[in-house]
Structures are given as structure tokens and as C-alpha cells.
Amino acid sequence: MNLIKINDIKITMSLLLVKDAFDSFFLEEAEVVTFAKLVLNGKRNKNWYIEEETKLVRWGEVKHIFFEYIKGKQTPDIFKVSLKADDKTAEALLKDSGFYKKYMEAKPELHLQLRYEKRELYAVTGFYNSNFTLDKTLEHMWDEAVVKWLIKNKISVL
């Protein structure tokens, strides 16, 4: 797990809410507190669909709801958006890292959370491997790949 301070809040929010940089990630949960708390659970309601699709919705499917809720003159008190990469998203982020082949062998869960609080924005990486190992190489590679991906998207980080 890595905590990454993001300097460019406006650029990042544009990428998150208006552009498509984060759209391919699955949404695990989004929570925002303005005048009231809004929680978006990313679990797809299987009764709503004729054919079963993925178990989680994609961020691109619901970001407009989140955006409508927070837009206005005041910034939210707090928000967090918890995302999860699928194989295609992982490939896009990891193709140049040398990590993708190892990722495909181990198939860990790759998480990314954006957290805004006290007028500061952070990205938090997460990694879950169902097989126990003391080797943290894959986890560190995910942390590095996220930082490189943020910088590639012109997001200044510390």
C-alpha cells in the first residue's frame, strides 16, 4: 500500500469526473459528504439485467451521478472513490512496467482509492493476493506503476 499526495486537484478531478482516464476501473464504492452523505455501492444489481454482466459497475457508468452531487460552489467535506482494476485496465497501467506477466500469473487484486479530505487529495494503492507470500515485489511494482500512470496523465504527485 502506498499513500500518494496529489498536488493537482483540479486536473485530477477533471480526469476522474469529466474525462475517461478512470472509466475502465470497476467501482467498489464511492462516498461523498456535502450537505448530506451519498454512498454509491459498486455492486451490480443482478436482478436488473437480463444477462449477467460483471459483478461491479465501471466508474464510467456512474461518475456522472457523483459529479452531479458534488458540483457547485462548495467543495465536499470529504470523498473517497475506491476502484479496482480488471485485466484490461491492469494491462494498460502495467504494460511498460515489466509487471504485467507476473500479474497475469498471480492474478492479484489491484486497488486504487482517491481520497479527498481537509482540502487535500491522495491516491492510495491497494494490493490483495489470495496466495500468501513474503515477496512484496508485485505489490511494490503496482505502487510504482500507479505513480507512473498518474504522472503520465499530467498529475503532479509527491
N, C-alpha and C. Protein backbone atom coordinates (compact mmCIF):
# COMPACT_ATOMS: atom_id res chain seq x y z
N MET A 1 0.84 -1.17 0.00
CA MET A 1 0.00 0.00 0.00
C MET A 1 0.89 1.24 0.00
N ASN A 2 0.49 2.20 -0.79
CA ASN A 2 1.25 3.42 -0.92
C ASN A 2 0.29 4.61 -0.85
N LEU A 3 0.66 5.62 -0.10
CA LEU A 3 -0.12 6.85 0.00
C LEU A 3 0.59 7.91 -0.83
N ILE A 4 -0.11 8.42 -1.84
CA ILE A 4 0.48 9.36 -2.79
C ILE A 4 -0.28 10.68 -2.70
N LYS A 5 0.41 11.74 -2.31
CA LYS A 5 -0.23 13.06 -2.26
C LYS A 5 -0.29 13.63 -3.67
N ILE A 6 -1.47 14.08 -4.04
CA ILE A 6 -1.69 14.65 -5.37
C ILE A 6 -1.73 16.17 -5.25
N ASN A 7 -0.90 16.83 -6.02
CA ASN A 7 -0.83 18.29 -5.99
C ASN A 7 -1.88 18.95 -6.88
N ASP A 8 -2.20 18.34 -8.00
CA ASP A 8 -3.10 18.93 -8.99
C ASP A 8 -4.53 18.42 -8.79
N ILE A 9 -5.22 19.00 -7.84
CA ILE A 9 -6.58 18.54 -7.54
C ILE A 9 -7.52 18.78 -8.71
N LYS A 10 -7.46 19.96 -9.32
CA LYS A 10 -8.37 20.29 -10.43
C LYS A 10 -8.16 19.35 -11.63
N ILE A 11 -6.91 19.12 -11.97
CA ILE A 11 -6.61 18.23 -13.09
C ILE A 11 -7.10 16.82 -12.79
N THR A 12 -6.83 16.36 -11.59
CA THR A 12 -7.24 15.01 -11.20
C THR A 12 -8.76 14.88 -11.20
N MET A 13 -9.44 15.88 -10.68
CA MET A 13 -10.91 15.82 -10.64
C MET A 13 -11.49 15.83 -12.05
N SER A 14 -10.87 16.57 -12.95
CA SER A 14 -11.31 16.57 -14.34
C SER A 14 -11.12 15.18 -14.96
N LEU A 15 -9.98 14.56 -14.69
CA LEU A 15 -9.73 13.21 -15.21
C LEU A 15 -10.70 12.20 -14.61
N LEU A 16 -11.04 12.37 -13.35
CA LEU A 16 -11.94 11.45 -12.66
C LEU A 16 -13.39 11.62 -13.07
N LEU A 17 -13.84 12.89 -13.19
CA LEU A 17 -15.27 13.15 -13.36
C LEU A 17 -15.70 13.54 -14.77
N VAL A 18 -14.80 14.08 -15.57
CA VAL A 18 -15.18 14.57 -16.89
C VAL A 18 -14.55 13.73 -18.00
N LYS A 19 -13.27 13.50 -17.90
CA LYS A 19 -12.56 12.74 -18.93
C LYS A 19 -12.65 11.25 -18.61
N ASP A 20 -12.01 10.43 -19.42
CA ASP A 20 -12.19 8.98 -19.29
C ASP A 20 -11.02 8.23 -18.67
N ALA A 21 -10.09 8.93 -18.04
CA ALA A 21 -8.89 8.28 -17.52
C ALA A 21 -9.18 7.13 -16.55
N PHE A 22 -10.20 7.28 -15.71
CA PHE A 22 -10.50 6.27 -14.69
C PHE A 22 -11.71 5.40 -15.07
N ASP A 23 -12.31 5.63 -16.22
CA ASP A 23 -13.57 4.99 -16.58
C ASP A 23 -13.53 3.47 -16.63
N SER A 24 -12.40 2.88 -16.98
CA SER A 24 -12.35 1.42 -17.14
C SER A 24 -12.22 0.68 -15.81
N PHE A 25 -11.91 1.39 -14.74
CA PHE A 25 -11.84 0.75 -13.42
C PHE A 25 -13.23 0.33 -12.97
N PHE A 26 -13.29 -0.75 -12.21
CA PHE A 26 -14.54 -1.11 -11.54
C PHE A 26 -14.68 -0.24 -10.31
N LEU A 27 -15.91 0.11 -9.98
CA LEU A 27 -16.19 0.86 -8.76
C LEU A 27 -16.52 -0.12 -7.65
N GLU A 28 -15.78 -0.05 -6.57
CA GLU A 28 -16.14 -0.84 -5.39
C GLU A 28 -17.10 -0.03 -4.53
N GLU A 29 -16.72 1.23 -4.27
CA GLU A 29 -17.61 2.10 -3.51
C GLU A 29 -17.14 3.54 -3.66
N ALA A 30 -18.10 4.44 -3.69
CA ALA A 30 -17.79 5.88 -3.68
C ALA A 30 -18.64 6.50 -2.59
N GLU A 31 -18.03 7.41 -1.87
CA GLU A 31 -18.71 8.06 -0.75
C GLU A 31 -18.33 9.54 -0.78
N VAL A 32 -19.32 10.40 -0.60
CA VAL A 32 -19.06 11.84 -0.57
C VAL A 32 -19.96 12.48 0.47
N VAL A 33 -19.40 13.46 1.18
CA VAL A 33 -20.16 14.20 2.18
C VAL A 33 -20.19 15.66 1.76
N THR A 34 -21.38 16.15 1.46
CA THR A 34 -21.61 17.58 1.22
C THR A 34 -22.64 18.00 2.26
N PHE A 35 -23.83 18.41 1.84
CA PHE A 35 -24.89 18.73 2.78
C PHE A 35 -25.46 17.47 3.41
N ALA A 36 -25.25 16.34 2.75
CA ALA A 36 -25.65 15.02 3.24
C ALA A 36 -24.67 14.01 2.64
N LYS A 37 -24.68 12.83 3.15
CA LYS A 37 -23.75 11.79 2.70
C LYS A 37 -24.38 10.97 1.58
N LEU A 38 -23.62 10.76 0.52
CA LEU A 38 -24.04 9.91 -0.58
C LEU A 38 -23.06 8.75 -0.67
N VAL A 39 -23.59 7.53 -0.75
CA VAL A 39 -22.75 6.34 -0.90
C VAL A 39 -23.23 5.60 -2.14
N LEU A 40 -22.30 5.33 -3.04
CA LEU A 40 -22.57 4.52 -4.22
C LEU A 40 -21.88 3.18 -4.06
N ASN A 41 -22.66 2.14 -3.96
CA ASN A 41 -22.10 0.80 -3.88
C ASN A 41 -21.89 0.32 -5.31
N GLY A 42 -20.73 -0.19 -5.60
CA GLY A 42 -20.40 -0.60 -6.95
C GLY A 42 -20.95 -1.95 -7.37
N LYS A 43 -21.62 -2.65 -6.46
CA LYS A 43 -22.15 -3.97 -6.81
C LYS A 43 -23.35 -3.81 -7.74
N ARG A 44 -23.28 -4.53 -8.85
CA ARG A 44 -24.35 -4.50 -9.84
C ARG A 44 -25.54 -5.32 -9.32
N ASN A 45 -26.72 -4.78 -9.47
CA ASN A 45 -27.94 -5.48 -9.09
C ASN A 45 -28.28 -6.48 -10.20
N LYS A 46 -27.99 -7.75 -9.95
CA LYS A 46 -28.16 -8.77 -10.99
C LYS A 46 -29.62 -8.94 -11.40
N ASN A 47 -30.58 -8.55 -10.57
CA ASN A 47 -31.99 -8.66 -10.92
C ASN A 47 -32.42 -7.62 -11.96
N TRP A 48 -31.60 -6.61 -12.16
CA TRP A 48 -31.92 -5.52 -13.07
C TRP A 48 -31.62 -5.90 -14.52
N TYR A 49 -30.77 -6.91 -14.73
CA TYR A 49 -30.28 -7.25 -16.06
C TYR A 49 -30.81 -8.58 -16.54
N ILE A 50 -31.05 -8.67 -17.84
CA ILE A 50 -31.48 -9.93 -18.44
C ILE A 50 -30.30 -10.90 -18.48
N GLU A 51 -29.17 -10.41 -18.96
CA GLU A 51 -27.96 -11.23 -18.98
C GLU A 51 -27.03 -10.73 -17.89
N GLU A 52 -26.41 -11.65 -17.20
CA GLU A 52 -25.48 -11.25 -16.14
C GLU A 52 -24.25 -10.61 -16.74
N GLU A 53 -23.96 -9.44 -16.26
CA GLU A 53 -22.75 -8.75 -16.68
C GLU A 53 -21.74 -8.89 -15.55
N THR A 54 -20.77 -8.02 -15.51
CA THR A 54 -19.79 -8.06 -14.43
C THR A 54 -20.47 -7.81 -13.10
N LYS A 55 -19.84 -8.23 -12.02
CA LYS A 55 -20.43 -8.06 -10.69
C LYS A 55 -20.33 -6.64 -10.19
N LEU A 56 -19.38 -5.86 -10.72
CA LEU A 56 -19.22 -4.47 -10.33
C LEU A 56 -19.47 -3.57 -11.53
N VAL A 57 -19.99 -2.39 -11.27
CA VAL A 57 -20.17 -1.40 -12.34
C VAL A 57 -18.82 -0.74 -12.61
N ARG A 58 -18.68 -0.20 -13.77
CA ARG A 58 -17.48 0.55 -14.11
C ARG A 58 -17.66 2.00 -13.65
N TRP A 59 -16.55 2.63 -13.27
CA TRP A 59 -16.60 4.02 -12.83
C TRP A 59 -17.26 4.89 -13.91
N GLY A 60 -16.96 4.63 -15.16
CA GLY A 60 -17.53 5.41 -16.26
C GLY A 60 -19.04 5.36 -16.32
N GLU A 61 -19.66 4.32 -15.76
CA GLU A 61 -21.12 4.20 -15.77
C GLU A 61 -21.79 5.10 -14.73
N VAL A 62 -21.08 5.44 -13.66
CA VAL A 62 -21.72 6.14 -12.54
C VAL A 62 -21.08 7.48 -12.17
N LYS A 63 -19.99 7.83 -12.82
CA LYS A 63 -19.29 9.06 -12.42
C LYS A 63 -20.17 10.30 -12.56
N HIS A 64 -21.10 10.28 -13.52
CA HIS A 64 -21.98 11.44 -13.71
C HIS A 64 -22.86 11.69 -12.48
N ILE A 65 -23.25 10.63 -11.79
CA ILE A 65 -24.06 10.78 -10.57
C ILE A 65 -23.23 11.45 -9.48
N PHE A 66 -22.02 10.98 -9.32
CA PHE A 66 -21.09 11.55 -8.35
C PHE A 66 -20.83 13.02 -8.67
N PHE A 67 -20.58 13.31 -9.94
CA PHE A 67 -20.30 14.67 -10.37
C PHE A 67 -21.48 15.60 -10.10
N GLU A 68 -22.67 15.17 -10.44
CA GLU A 68 -23.87 16.00 -10.20
C GLU A 68 -24.04 16.31 -8.72
N TYR A 69 -23.69 15.35 -7.90
CA TYR A 69 -23.87 15.52 -6.46
C TYR A 69 -22.88 16.53 -5.87
N ILE A 70 -21.67 16.58 -6.40
CA ILE A 70 -20.66 17.46 -5.78
C ILE A 70 -20.49 18.80 -6.46
N LYS A 71 -21.03 18.95 -7.68
CA LYS A 71 -20.76 20.22 -8.36
C LYS A 71 -21.52 21.36 -7.67
N GLY A 72 -20.88 22.49 -7.68
CA GLY A 72 -21.43 23.67 -7.02
C GLY A 72 -20.31 24.55 -6.52
N LYS A 73 -20.66 25.51 -5.71
CA LYS A 73 -19.68 26.49 -5.23
C LYS A 73 -18.80 25.94 -4.11
N GLN A 74 -19.31 25.02 -3.32
CA GLN A 74 -18.54 24.48 -2.20
C GLN A 74 -17.96 23.12 -2.55
N THR A 75 -16.75 22.89 -2.08
CA THR A 75 -16.16 21.56 -2.27
C THR A 75 -16.70 20.63 -1.19
N PRO A 76 -16.69 19.35 -1.46
CA PRO A 76 -17.15 18.39 -0.45
C PRO A 76 -16.27 18.45 0.80
N ASP A 77 -16.84 18.08 1.94
CA ASP A 77 -16.04 17.95 3.15
C ASP A 77 -15.05 16.81 2.98
N ILE A 78 -15.54 15.73 2.40
CA ILE A 78 -14.73 14.53 2.22
C ILE A 78 -15.32 13.70 1.09
N PHE A 79 -14.46 13.01 0.38
CA PHE A 79 -14.94 11.97 -0.53
C PHE A 79 -13.88 10.91 -0.68
N LYS A 80 -14.34 9.73 -1.03
CA LYS A 80 -13.42 8.65 -1.40
C LYS A 80 -14.06 7.83 -2.50
N VAL A 81 -13.25 7.48 -3.45
CA VAL A 81 -13.68 6.65 -4.57
C VAL A 81 -12.74 5.45 -4.59
N SER A 82 -13.29 4.28 -4.33
CA SER A 82 -12.50 3.04 -4.28
C SER A 82 -12.70 2.27 -5.58
N LEU A 83 -11.61 2.08 -6.30
CA LEU A 83 -11.64 1.45 -7.61
C LEU A 83 -10.83 0.16 -7.62
N LYS A 84 -11.14 -0.67 -8.61
CA LYS A 84 -10.44 -1.95 -8.76
C LYS A 84 -10.15 -2.15 -10.24
N ALA A 85 -8.93 -2.57 -10.55
CA ALA A 85 -8.53 -2.79 -11.94
C ALA A 85 -8.89 -4.20 -12.39
N ASP A 86 -9.44 -4.32 -13.59
CA ASP A 86 -9.61 -5.63 -14.19
C ASP A 86 -8.37 -5.92 -15.04
N ASP A 87 -8.34 -7.05 -15.74
CA ASP A 87 -7.15 -7.43 -16.52
C ASP A 87 -6.81 -6.40 -17.59
N LYS A 88 -7.83 -5.88 -18.28
CA LYS A 88 -7.58 -4.92 -19.35
C LYS A 88 -7.02 -3.61 -18.80
N THR A 89 -7.58 -3.14 -17.71
CA THR A 89 -7.08 -1.92 -17.07
C THR A 89 -5.68 -2.14 -16.53
N ALA A 90 -5.47 -3.30 -15.92
CA ALA A 90 -4.14 -3.64 -15.39
C ALA A 90 -3.12 -3.66 -16.52
N GLU A 91 -3.49 -4.22 -17.65
CA GLU A 91 -2.56 -4.26 -18.78
C GLU A 91 -2.19 -2.84 -19.23
N ALA A 92 -3.18 -1.96 -19.32
CA ALA A 92 -2.92 -0.58 -19.74
C ALA A 92 -1.97 0.12 -18.77
N LEU A 93 -2.13 -0.13 -17.49
CA LEU A 93 -1.28 0.53 -16.50
C LEU A 93 0.09 -0.13 -16.37
N LEU A 94 0.15 -1.42 -16.64
CA LEU A 94 1.37 -2.18 -16.33
C LEU A 94 2.20 -2.60 -17.53
N LYS A 95 1.73 -2.33 -18.74
CA LYS A 95 2.41 -2.88 -19.92
C LYS A 95 3.87 -2.47 -20.03
N ASP A 96 4.21 -1.29 -19.54
CA ASP A 96 5.60 -0.83 -19.63
C ASP A 96 6.40 -1.06 -18.35
N SER A 97 5.80 -1.74 -17.38
CA SER A 97 6.46 -1.86 -16.07
C SER A 97 7.26 -3.16 -15.89
N GLY A 98 7.04 -4.12 -16.77
CA GLY A 98 7.66 -5.41 -16.58
C GLY A 98 6.91 -6.26 -15.56
N PHE A 99 5.79 -5.77 -15.07
CA PHE A 99 5.00 -6.40 -14.04
C PHE A 99 3.83 -7.20 -14.61
N TYR A 100 3.42 -6.90 -15.83
CA TYR A 100 2.19 -7.48 -16.36
C TYR A 100 2.25 -9.00 -16.45
N LYS A 101 3.37 -9.55 -16.89
CA LYS A 101 3.48 -11.02 -17.00
C LYS A 101 3.33 -11.66 -15.61
N LYS A 102 3.99 -11.10 -14.61
CA LYS A 102 3.87 -11.62 -13.25
C LYS A 102 2.45 -11.44 -12.72
N TYR A 103 1.84 -10.31 -13.08
CA TYR A 103 0.45 -10.07 -12.67
C TYR A 103 -0.47 -11.16 -13.23
N MET A 104 -0.30 -11.49 -14.51
CA MET A 104 -1.15 -12.50 -15.14
C MET A 104 -0.94 -13.88 -14.52
N GLU A 105 0.24 -14.15 -14.02
CA GLU A 105 0.50 -15.43 -13.36
C GLU A 105 -0.15 -15.49 -11.98
N ALA A 106 -0.03 -14.42 -11.22
CA ALA A 106 -0.51 -14.40 -9.83
C ALA A 106 -1.97 -13.96 -9.72
N LYS A 107 -2.43 -13.12 -10.63
CA LYS A 107 -3.80 -12.58 -10.63
C LYS A 107 -4.20 -11.93 -9.29
N PRO A 108 -3.38 -11.02 -8.76
CA PRO A 108 -3.79 -10.33 -7.54
C PRO A 108 -4.86 -9.28 -7.85
N GLU A 109 -5.55 -8.83 -6.83
CA GLU A 109 -6.48 -7.72 -6.99
C GLU A 109 -5.69 -6.42 -6.86
N LEU A 110 -5.92 -5.51 -7.79
CA LEU A 110 -5.22 -4.23 -7.79
C LEU A 110 -6.24 -3.12 -7.50
N HIS A 111 -6.01 -2.40 -6.44
CA HIS A 111 -6.95 -1.37 -5.99
C HIS A 111 -6.33 0.01 -6.05
N LEU A 112 -7.19 1.00 -6.24
CA LEU A 112 -6.78 2.39 -6.23
C LEU A 112 -7.91 3.20 -5.60
N GLN A 113 -7.58 3.94 -4.57
CA GLN A 113 -8.58 4.79 -3.93
C GLN A 113 -8.14 6.24 -4.02
N LEU A 114 -9.07 7.09 -4.39
CA LEU A 114 -8.83 8.53 -4.35
C LEU A 114 -9.58 9.05 -3.13
N ARG A 115 -8.86 9.79 -2.30
CA ARG A 115 -9.42 10.24 -1.03
C ARG A 115 -9.17 11.75 -0.88
N TYR A 116 -10.25 12.51 -0.70
CA TYR A 116 -10.16 13.96 -0.53
C TYR A 116 -10.67 14.31 0.87
N GLU A 117 -9.83 15.01 1.61
CA GLU A 117 -10.21 15.41 2.96
C GLU A 117 -9.34 16.59 3.37
N LYS A 118 -9.94 17.56 4.04
CA LYS A 118 -9.23 18.75 4.52
C LYS A 118 -8.49 19.45 3.37
N ARG A 119 -9.17 19.52 2.24
CA ARG A 119 -8.66 20.21 1.05
C ARG A 119 -7.38 19.59 0.48
N GLU A 120 -7.17 18.31 0.76
CA GLU A 120 -6.04 17.58 0.20
C GLU A 120 -6.53 16.31 -0.48
N LEU A 121 -5.86 15.94 -1.56
CA LEU A 121 -6.25 14.76 -2.32
C LEU A 121 -5.10 13.75 -2.32
N TYR A 122 -5.46 12.52 -2.06
CA TYR A 122 -4.47 11.43 -2.02
C TYR A 122 -4.96 10.27 -2.89
N ALA A 123 -4.00 9.58 -3.47
CA ALA A 123 -4.26 8.30 -4.11
C ALA A 123 -3.65 7.24 -3.20
N VAL A 124 -4.40 6.19 -2.95
CA VAL A 124 -3.94 5.11 -2.10
C VAL A 124 -4.00 3.83 -2.93
N THR A 125 -2.85 3.19 -3.07
CA THR A 125 -2.82 1.93 -3.80
C THR A 125 -3.15 0.79 -2.84
N GLY A 126 -3.71 -0.25 -3.40
CA GLY A 126 -4.01 -1.44 -2.62
C GLY A 126 -3.72 -2.68 -3.44
N PHE A 127 -3.38 -3.74 -2.77
CA PHE A 127 -2.95 -4.96 -3.43
C PHE A 127 -3.43 -6.14 -2.59
N TYR A 128 -4.10 -7.09 -3.21
CA TYR A 128 -4.51 -8.28 -2.49
C TYR A 128 -4.18 -9.51 -3.32
N ASN A 129 -3.41 -10.40 -2.73
CA ASN A 129 -3.07 -11.66 -3.37
C ASN A 129 -3.63 -12.78 -2.51
N SER A 130 -4.43 -13.64 -3.10
CA SER A 130 -5.05 -14.72 -2.32
C SER A 130 -4.03 -15.76 -1.86
N ASN A 131 -2.88 -15.80 -2.52
CA ASN A 131 -1.81 -16.71 -2.10
C ASN A 131 -0.84 -15.95 -1.21
N PHE A 132 -0.63 -16.46 -0.02
CA PHE A 132 0.29 -15.79 0.91
C PHE A 132 1.72 -15.89 0.40
N THR A 133 2.40 -14.76 0.46
CA THR A 133 3.81 -14.73 0.09
C THR A 133 4.50 -13.60 0.84
N LEU A 134 5.74 -13.81 1.17
CA LEU A 134 6.52 -12.76 1.80
C LEU A 134 7.13 -11.83 0.77
N ASP A 135 7.12 -12.26 -0.48
CA ASP A 135 7.67 -11.45 -1.57
C ASP A 135 6.72 -10.30 -1.88
N LYS A 136 7.19 -9.08 -1.69
CA LYS A 136 6.37 -7.88 -1.92
C LYS A 136 6.69 -7.22 -3.26
N THR A 137 7.40 -7.91 -4.13
CA THR A 137 7.80 -7.35 -5.41
C THR A 137 6.60 -6.90 -6.23
N LEU A 138 5.59 -7.75 -6.35
CA LEU A 138 4.41 -7.42 -7.14
C LEU A 138 3.69 -6.20 -6.57
N GLU A 139 3.57 -6.15 -5.26
CA GLU A 139 2.91 -5.02 -4.61
C GLU A 139 3.67 -3.71 -4.88
N HIS A 140 4.98 -3.75 -4.75
CA HIS A 140 5.79 -2.56 -5.00
C HIS A 140 5.72 -2.13 -6.46
N MET A 141 5.66 -3.10 -7.35
CA MET A 141 5.55 -2.78 -8.78
C MET A 141 4.22 -2.10 -9.08
N TRP A 142 3.14 -2.53 -8.42
CA TRP A 142 1.83 -1.88 -8.58
C TRP A 142 1.90 -0.44 -8.08
N ASP A 143 2.51 -0.25 -6.92
CA ASP A 143 2.66 1.10 -6.37
C ASP A 143 3.40 2.00 -7.36
N GLU A 144 4.50 1.51 -7.92
CA GLU A 144 5.30 2.28 -8.88
C GLU A 144 4.53 2.54 -10.17
N ALA A 145 3.80 1.54 -10.63
CA ALA A 145 3.04 1.68 -11.88
C ALA A 145 1.96 2.75 -11.73
N VAL A 146 1.32 2.82 -10.58
CA VAL A 146 0.29 3.84 -10.35
C VAL A 146 0.91 5.23 -10.38
N VAL A 147 2.03 5.41 -9.72
CA VAL A 147 2.71 6.71 -9.72
C VAL A 147 3.07 7.11 -11.15
N LYS A 148 3.63 6.19 -11.92
CA LYS A 148 4.00 6.48 -13.32
C LYS A 148 2.76 6.82 -14.14
N TRP A 149 1.66 6.11 -13.91
CA TRP A 149 0.42 6.36 -14.65
C TRP A 149 -0.15 7.73 -14.31
N LEU A 150 -0.10 8.11 -13.04
CA LEU A 150 -0.57 9.44 -12.63
C LEU A 150 0.27 10.53 -13.30
N ILE A 151 1.59 10.36 -13.29
CA ILE A 151 2.47 11.33 -13.92
C ILE A 151 2.24 11.39 -15.43
N LYS A 152 2.03 10.23 -16.04
CA LYS A 152 1.73 10.18 -17.47
C LYS A 152 0.46 10.96 -17.80
N ASN A 153 -0.47 10.99 -16.86
CA ASN A 153 -1.73 11.73 -17.04
C ASN A 153 -1.59 13.19 -16.57
N LYS A 154 -0.35 13.62 -16.39
CA LYS A 154 -0.03 15.00 -16.04
C LYS A 154 -0.54 15.41 -14.64
N ILE A 155 -0.55 14.43 -13.74
CA ILE A 155 -0.91 14.68 -12.35
C ILE A 155 0.38 14.77 -11.55
N SER A 156 0.59 15.91 -10.93
CA SER A 156 1.78 16.12 -10.12
C SER A 156 1.59 15.47 -8.75
N VAL A 157 2.55 14.63 -8.37
CA VAL A 157 2.44 13.90 -7.11
C VAL A 157 3.70 14.11 -6.27
N LEU A 158 3.57 13.84 -4.98
CA LEU A 158 4.72 13.88 -4.06
C LEU A 158 5.10 12.47 -3.69
